[in-house]
Amino acid sequence: PTLETILGRSRTLGLDVTSVTPELTMAP
């Protein structure tokens, strides 16, 4: 959420942010 605020908010960098989320990365 902090990164999306810093990178994506119009009052900051205003980038079009897309997150890719692999789940359960520690399972193996």
PDB file of all heavy atoms in Angstrom:
ATOM      1  N   PRO A   1       0.817  -1.223   0.000  1.00  0.00           N
ATOM      2  CA  PRO A   1       0.000   0.000   0.000  1.00  0.00           C
ATOM      3  C   PRO A   1       0.851   1.275   0.000  1.00  0.00           C
ATOM      4  O   PRO A   1       0.505   2.253  -0.666  1.00  0.00           O
ATOM      5  CB  PRO A   1      -0.830  -0.116   1.275  1.00  0.00           C
ATOM      6  CG  PRO A   1      -0.913  -1.586   1.535  1.00  0.00           C
ATOM      7  CD  PRO A   1       0.428  -2.115   1.095  1.00  0.00           C
ATOM      8  N   THR A   2       1.973   1.246   0.702  1.00  0.00           N
ATOM      9  CA  THR A   2       2.862   2.405   0.714  1.00  0.00           C
ATOM     10  C   THR A   2       3.448   2.638  -0.669  1.00  0.00           C
ATOM     11  O   THR A   2       3.474   3.765  -1.167  1.00  0.00           O
ATOM     12  CB  THR A   2       3.991   2.211   1.743  1.00  0.00           C
ATOM     13  OG1 THR A   2       3.407   2.034   3.031  1.00  0.00           O
ATOM     14  CG2 THR A   2       4.941   3.380   1.764  1.00  0.00           C
ATOM     15  N   LEU A   3       3.904   1.570  -1.309  1.00  0.00           N
ATOM     16  CA  LEU A   3       4.468   1.705  -2.660  1.00  0.00           C
ATOM     17  C   LEU A   3       3.423   2.195  -3.651  1.00  0.00           C
ATOM     18  O   LEU A   3       3.715   3.047  -4.495  1.00  0.00           O
ATOM     19  CB  LEU A   3       5.039   0.374  -3.139  1.00  0.00           C
ATOM     20  CG  LEU A   3       6.341  -0.053  -2.499  1.00  0.00           C
ATOM     21  CD1 LEU A   3       6.753  -1.415  -3.021  1.00  0.00           C
ATOM     22  CD2 LEU A   3       7.422   0.964  -2.762  1.00  0.00           C
ATOM     23  N   GLU A   4       2.210   1.661  -3.564  1.00  0.00           N
ATOM     24  CA  GLU A   4       1.161   2.097  -4.478  1.00  0.00           C
ATOM     25  C   GLU A   4       0.835   3.572  -4.255  1.00  0.00           C
ATOM     26  O   GLU A   4       0.537   4.300  -5.196  1.00  0.00           O
ATOM     27  CB  GLU A   4      -0.066   1.211  -4.328  1.00  0.00           C
ATOM     28  CG  GLU A   4       0.178  -0.186  -4.899  1.00  0.00           C
ATOM     29  CD  GLU A   4      -0.947  -1.167  -4.654  1.00  0.00           C
ATOM     30  OE1 GLU A   4      -1.830  -0.892  -3.802  1.00  0.00           O
ATOM     31  OE2 GLU A   4      -0.940  -2.225  -5.302  1.00  0.00           O
ATOM     32  N   THR A   5       0.922   4.034  -3.013  1.00  0.00           N
ATOM     33  CA  THR A   5       0.705   5.448  -2.717  1.00  0.00           C
ATOM     34  C   THR A   5       1.836   6.299  -3.291  1.00  0.00           C
ATOM     35  O   THR A   5       1.595   7.304  -3.961  1.00  0.00           O
ATOM     36  CB  THR A   5       0.600   5.678  -1.192  1.00  0.00           C
ATOM     37  OG1 THR A   5      -0.536   4.969  -0.702  1.00  0.00           O
ATOM     38  CG2 THR A   5       0.471   7.144  -0.855  1.00  0.00           C
ATOM     39  N   ILE A   6       3.065   5.903  -3.045  1.00  0.00           N
ATOM     40  CA  ILE A   6       4.212   6.682  -3.511  1.00  0.00           C
ATOM     41  C   ILE A   6       4.296   6.686  -5.035  1.00  0.00           C
ATOM     42  O   ILE A   6       4.494   7.715  -5.666  1.00  0.00           O
ATOM     43  CB  ILE A   6       5.523   6.134  -2.916  1.00  0.00           C
ATOM     44  CG1 ILE A   6       5.558   6.410  -1.409  1.00  0.00           C
ATOM     45  CG2 ILE A   6       6.736   6.740  -3.600  1.00  0.00           C
ATOM     46  CD1 ILE A   6       6.674   5.688  -0.677  1.00  0.00           C
ATOM     47  N   LEU A   7       4.133   5.526  -5.634  1.00  0.00           N
ATOM     48  CA  LEU A   7       4.297   5.417  -7.076  1.00  0.00           C
ATOM     49  C   LEU A   7       3.059   5.833  -7.862  1.00  0.00           C
ATOM     50  O   LEU A   7       3.171   6.398  -8.938  1.00  0.00           O
ATOM     51  CB  LEU A   7       4.677   3.984  -7.457  1.00  0.00           C
ATOM     52  CG  LEU A   7       5.971   3.443  -6.872  1.00  0.00           C
ATOM     53  CD1 LEU A   7       6.155   1.986  -7.265  1.00  0.00           C
ATOM     54  CD2 LEU A   7       7.155   4.271  -7.297  1.00  0.00           C
ATOM     55  N   GLY A   8       1.874   5.553  -7.319  1.00  0.00           N
ATOM     56  CA  GLY A   8       0.663   5.700  -8.104  1.00  0.00           C
ATOM     57  C   GLY A   8      -0.209   6.912  -7.857  1.00  0.00           C
ATOM     58  O   GLY A   8      -1.013   7.264  -8.714  1.00  0.00           O
ATOM     59  N   ARG A   9      -0.081   7.568  -6.716  1.00  0.00           N
ATOM     60  CA  ARG A   9      -0.943   8.719  -6.451  1.00  0.00           C
ATOM     61  C   ARG A   9      -0.629   9.873  -7.397  1.00  0.00           C
ATOM     62  O   ARG A   9       0.522  10.150  -7.693  1.00  0.00           O
ATOM     63  CB  ARG A   9      -0.766   9.219  -5.016  1.00  0.00           C
ATOM     64  CG  ARG A   9      -1.600   8.449  -4.030  1.00  0.00           C
ATOM     65  CD  ARG A   9      -1.549   9.030  -2.642  1.00  0.00           C
ATOM     66  NE  ARG A   9      -2.170  10.341  -2.598  1.00  0.00           N
ATOM     67  CZ  ARG A   9      -1.832  11.282  -1.733  1.00  0.00           C
ATOM     68  NH1 ARG A   9      -0.885  11.075  -0.849  1.00  0.00           N
ATOM     69  NH2 ARG A   9      -2.447  12.435  -1.736  1.00  0.00           N
ATOM     70  N   SER A  10      -1.655  10.568  -7.817  1.00  0.00           N
ATOM     71  CA  SER A  10      -1.449  11.683  -8.743  1.00  0.00           C
ATOM     72  C   SER A  10      -0.614  12.799  -8.121  1.00  0.00           C
ATOM     73  O   SER A  10       0.057  13.536  -8.825  1.00  0.00           O
ATOM     74  CB  SER A  10      -2.792  12.238  -9.213  1.00  0.00           C
ATOM     75  OG  SER A  10      -3.537  12.715  -8.109  1.00  0.00           O
ATOM     76  N   ARG A  11      -0.607  12.928  -6.809  1.00  0.00           N
ATOM     77  CA  ARG A  11       0.183  13.968  -6.147  1.00  0.00           C
ATOM     78  C   ARG A  11       1.634  13.546  -5.925  1.00  0.00           C
ATOM     79  O   ARG A  11       2.429  14.332  -5.436  1.00  0.00           O
ATOM     80  CB  ARG A  11      -0.439  14.347  -4.806  1.00  0.00           C
ATOM     81  CG  ARG A  11      -1.814  14.921  -4.899  1.00  0.00           C
ATOM     82  CD  ARG A  11      -1.866  16.362  -5.275  1.00  0.00           C
ATOM     83  NE  ARG A  11      -1.154  17.165  -4.282  1.00  0.00           N
ATOM     84  CZ  ARG A  11      -0.671  18.353  -4.537  1.00  0.00           C
ATOM     85  NH1 ARG A  11      -0.803  18.883  -5.720  1.00  0.00           N
ATOM     86  NH2 ARG A  11      -0.049  19.029  -3.605  1.00  0.00           N
ATOM     87  N   THR A  12       1.968  12.309  -6.255  1.00  0.00           N
ATOM     88  CA  THR A  12       3.366  11.868  -6.144  1.00  0.00           C
ATOM     89  C   THR A  12       3.868  11.553  -7.551  1.00  0.00           C
ATOM     90  O   THR A  12       3.897  12.429  -8.384  1.00  0.00           O
ATOM     91  CB  THR A  12       3.517  10.697  -5.158  1.00  0.00           C
ATOM     92  OG1 THR A  12       2.637   9.638  -5.544  1.00  0.00           O
ATOM     93  CG2 THR A  12       3.187  11.120  -3.731  1.00  0.00           C
ATOM     94  N   LEU A  13       4.263  10.325  -7.830  1.00  0.00           N
ATOM     95  CA  LEU A  13       4.816  10.005  -9.152  1.00  0.00           C
ATOM     96  C   LEU A  13       3.744   9.762 -10.211  1.00  0.00           C
ATOM     97  O   LEU A  13       4.012   9.861 -11.393  1.00  0.00           O
ATOM     98  CB  LEU A  13       5.758   8.804  -9.064  1.00  0.00           C
ATOM     99  CG  LEU A  13       7.011   9.033  -8.216  1.00  0.00           C
ATOM    100  CD1 LEU A  13       7.841   7.766  -8.141  1.00  0.00           C
ATOM    101  CD2 LEU A  13       7.837  10.176  -8.745  1.00  0.00           C
ATOM    102  N   GLY A  14       2.535   9.402  -9.796  1.00  0.00           N
ATOM    103  CA  GLY A  14       1.421   9.260 -10.725  1.00  0.00           C
ATOM    104  C   GLY A  14       1.554   8.156 -11.753  1.00  0.00           C
ATOM    105  O   GLY A  14       0.949   8.210 -12.810  1.00  0.00           O
ATOM    106  N   LEU A  15       2.348   7.145 -11.451  1.00  0.00           N
ATOM    107  CA  LEU A  15       2.526   6.036 -12.387  1.00  0.00           C
ATOM    108  C   LEU A  15       1.289   5.148 -12.424  1.00  0.00           C
ATOM    109  O   LEU A  15       0.519   5.080 -11.468  1.00  0.00           O
ATOM    110  CB  LEU A  15       3.739   5.200 -11.976  1.00  0.00           C
ATOM    111  CG  LEU A  15       5.078   5.924 -11.995  1.00  0.00           C
ATOM    112  CD1 LEU A  15       6.146   5.076 -11.317  1.00  0.00           C
ATOM    113  CD2 LEU A  15       5.490   6.271 -13.409  1.00  0.00           C
ATOM    114  N   ASP A  16       1.093   4.459 -13.525  1.00  0.00           N
ATOM    115  CA  ASP A  16       0.028   3.474 -13.664  1.00  0.00           C
ATOM    116  C   ASP A  16       0.588   2.146 -13.156  1.00  0.00           C
ATOM    117  O   ASP A  16       1.232   1.402 -13.891  1.00  0.00           O
ATOM    118  CB  ASP A  16      -0.394   3.372 -15.128  1.00  0.00           C
ATOM    119  CG  ASP A  16      -1.505   2.367 -15.358  1.00  0.00           C
ATOM    120  OD1 ASP A  16      -2.133   1.922 -14.371  1.00  0.00           O
ATOM    121  OD2 ASP A  16      -1.735   2.017 -16.527  1.00  0.00           O
ATOM    122  N   VAL A  17       0.355   1.870 -11.878  1.00  0.00           N
ATOM    123  CA  VAL A  17       0.994   0.737 -11.192  1.00  0.00           C
ATOM    124  C   VAL A  17       0.155  -0.534 -11.324  1.00  0.00           C
ATOM    125  O   VAL A  17      -1.039  -0.527 -11.062  1.00  0.00           O
ATOM    126  CB  VAL A  17       1.206   1.047  -9.697  1.00  0.00           C
ATOM    127  CG1 VAL A  17       1.844  -0.122  -8.990  1.00  0.00           C
ATOM    128  CG2 VAL A  17       2.043   2.305  -9.528  1.00  0.00           C
ATOM    129  N   THR A  18       0.811  -1.597 -11.735  1.00  0.00           N
ATOM    130  CA  THR A  18       0.204  -2.923 -11.766  1.00  0.00           C
ATOM    131  C   THR A  18       1.071  -3.844 -10.910  1.00  0.00           C
ATOM    132  O   THR A  18       2.276  -3.909 -11.099  1.00  0.00           O
ATOM    133  CB  THR A  18       0.144  -3.480 -13.202  1.00  0.00           C
ATOM    134  OG1 THR A  18      -0.596  -2.582 -14.011  1.00  0.00           O
ATOM    135  CG2 THR A  18      -0.493  -4.854 -13.234  1.00  0.00           C
ATOM    136  N   SER A  19       0.442  -4.530  -9.969  1.00  0.00           N
ATOM    137  CA  SER A  19       1.177  -5.451  -9.101  1.00  0.00           C
ATOM    138  C   SER A  19       0.927  -6.882  -9.529  1.00  0.00           C
ATOM    139  O   SER A  19      -0.192  -7.252  -9.871  1.00  0.00           O
ATOM    140  CB  SER A  19       0.738  -5.284  -7.642  1.00  0.00           C
ATOM    141  OG  SER A  19       1.085  -4.007  -7.181  1.00  0.00           O
ATOM    142  N   VAL A  20       1.973  -7.678  -9.501  1.00  0.00           N
ATOM    143  CA  VAL A  20       1.905  -9.110  -9.786  1.00  0.00           C
ATOM    144  C   VAL A  20       2.203  -9.819  -8.467  1.00  0.00           C
ATOM    145  O   VAL A  20       3.232  -9.554  -7.844  1.00  0.00           O
ATOM    146  CB  VAL A  20       2.924  -9.509 -10.874  1.00  0.00           C
ATOM    147  CG1 VAL A  20       2.924 -11.003 -11.095  1.00  0.00           C
ATOM    148  CG2 VAL A  20       2.632  -8.760 -12.168  1.00  0.00           C
ATOM    149  N   THR A  21       1.312 -10.721  -8.053  1.00  0.00           N
ATOM    150  CA  THR A  21       1.421 -11.290  -6.716  1.00  0.00           C
ATOM    151  C   THR A  21       1.422 -12.816  -6.711  1.00  0.00           C
ATOM    152  O   THR A  21       0.365 -13.442  -6.737  1.00  0.00           O
ATOM    153  CB  THR A  21       0.248 -10.802  -5.835  1.00  0.00           C
ATOM    154  OG1 THR A  21       0.172  -9.389  -5.917  1.00  0.00           O
ATOM    155  CG2 THR A  21       0.420 -11.226  -4.399  1.00  0.00           C
ATOM    156  N   PRO A  22       2.601 -13.439  -6.672  1.00  0.00           N
ATOM    157  CA  PRO A  22       2.619 -14.886  -6.428  1.00  0.00           C
ATOM    158  C   PRO A  22       2.344 -15.135  -4.942  1.00  0.00           C
ATOM    159  O   PRO A  22       2.887 -14.448  -4.084  1.00  0.00           O
ATOM    160  CB  PRO A  22       4.038 -15.297  -6.816  1.00  0.00           C
ATOM    161  CG  PRO A  22       4.854 -14.062  -6.720  1.00  0.00           C
ATOM    162  CD  PRO A  22       3.931 -12.899  -6.932  1.00  0.00           C
ATOM    163  N   GLU A  23       1.501 -16.085  -4.661  1.00  0.00           N
ATOM    164  CA  GLU A  23       1.080 -16.375  -3.285  1.00  0.00           C
ATOM    165  C   GLU A  23       1.858 -17.547  -2.693  1.00  0.00           C
ATOM    166  O   GLU A  23       2.366 -18.396  -3.424  1.00  0.00           O
ATOM    167  CB  GLU A  23      -0.410 -16.726  -3.254  1.00  0.00           C
ATOM    168  CG  GLU A  23      -1.320 -15.646  -3.783  1.00  0.00           C
ATOM    169  CD  GLU A  23      -1.616 -14.572  -2.770  1.00  0.00           C
ATOM    170  OE1 GLU A  23      -1.144 -14.663  -1.619  1.00  0.00           O
ATOM    171  OE2 GLU A  23      -2.328 -13.622  -3.127  1.00  0.00           O
ATOM    172  N   LEU A  24       1.910 -17.576  -1.389  1.00  0.00           N
ATOM    173  CA  LEU A  24       2.453 -18.703  -0.623  1.00  0.00           C
ATOM    174  C   LEU A  24       3.889 -19.034  -1.039  1.00  0.00           C
ATOM    175  O   LEU A  24       4.254 -20.198  -1.202  1.00  0.00           O
ATOM    176  CB  LEU A  24       1.548 -19.927  -0.758  1.00  0.00           C
ATOM    177  CG  LEU A  24       0.119 -19.719  -0.263  1.00  0.00           C
ATOM    178  CD1 LEU A  24      -0.785 -20.827  -0.742  1.00  0.00           C
ATOM    179  CD2 LEU A  24       0.093 -19.614   1.254  1.00  0.00           C
ATOM    180  N   THR A  25       4.715 -18.018  -1.186  1.00  0.00           N
ATOM    181  CA  THR A  25       6.064 -18.212  -1.707  1.00  0.00           C
ATOM    182  C   THR A  25       6.968 -19.038  -0.801  1.00  0.00           C
ATOM    183  O   THR A  25       7.972 -19.573  -1.261  1.00  0.00           O
ATOM    184  CB  THR A  25       6.739 -16.864  -2.003  1.00  0.00           C
ATOM    185  OG1 THR A  25       6.755 -16.082  -0.811  1.00  0.00           O
ATOM    186  CG2 THR A  25       6.000 -16.118  -3.097  1.00  0.00           C
ATOM    187  N   MET A  26       6.618 -19.163   0.452  1.00  0.00           N
ATOM    188  CA  MET A  26       7.435 -19.964   1.373  1.00  0.00           C
ATOM    189  C   MET A  26       6.961 -21.411   1.473  1.00  0.00           C
ATOM    190  O   MET A  26       7.591 -22.220   2.149  1.00  0.00           O
ATOM    191  CB  MET A  26       7.441 -19.324   2.762  1.00  0.00           C
ATOM    192  CG  MET A  26       8.186 -18.002   2.833  1.00  0.00           C
ATOM    193  SD  MET A  26       9.925 -18.152   2.423  1.00  0.00           S
ATOM    194  CE  MET A  26      10.527 -19.121   3.793  1.00  0.00           C
ATOM    195  N   ALA A  27       5.876 -21.748   0.813  1.00  0.00           N
ATOM    196  CA  ALA A  27       5.329 -23.107   0.922  1.00  0.00           C
ATOM    197  C   ALA A  27       6.345 -24.198   0.599  1.00  0.00           C
ATOM    198  O   ALA A  27       6.415 -25.199   1.321  1.00  0.00           O
ATOM    199  CB  ALA A  27       4.084 -23.245   0.058  1.00  0.00           C
ATOM    200  N   PRO A  28       7.172 -24.055  -0.445  1.00  0.00           N
ATOM    201  CA  PRO A  28       8.130 -25.123  -0.724  1.00  0.00           C
ATOM    202  C   PRO A  28       9.211 -25.279   0.348  1.00  0.00           C
ATOM    203  O   PRO A  28       9.834 -26.330   0.447  1.00  0.00           O
ATOM    204  CB  PRO A  28       8.765 -24.700  -2.053  1.00  0.00           C
ATOM    205  CG  PRO A  28       7.796 -23.772  -2.680  1.00  0.00           C
ATOM    206  CD  PRO A  28       7.145 -23.059  -1.522  1.00  0.00           C
TER     207      PRO A  28
END
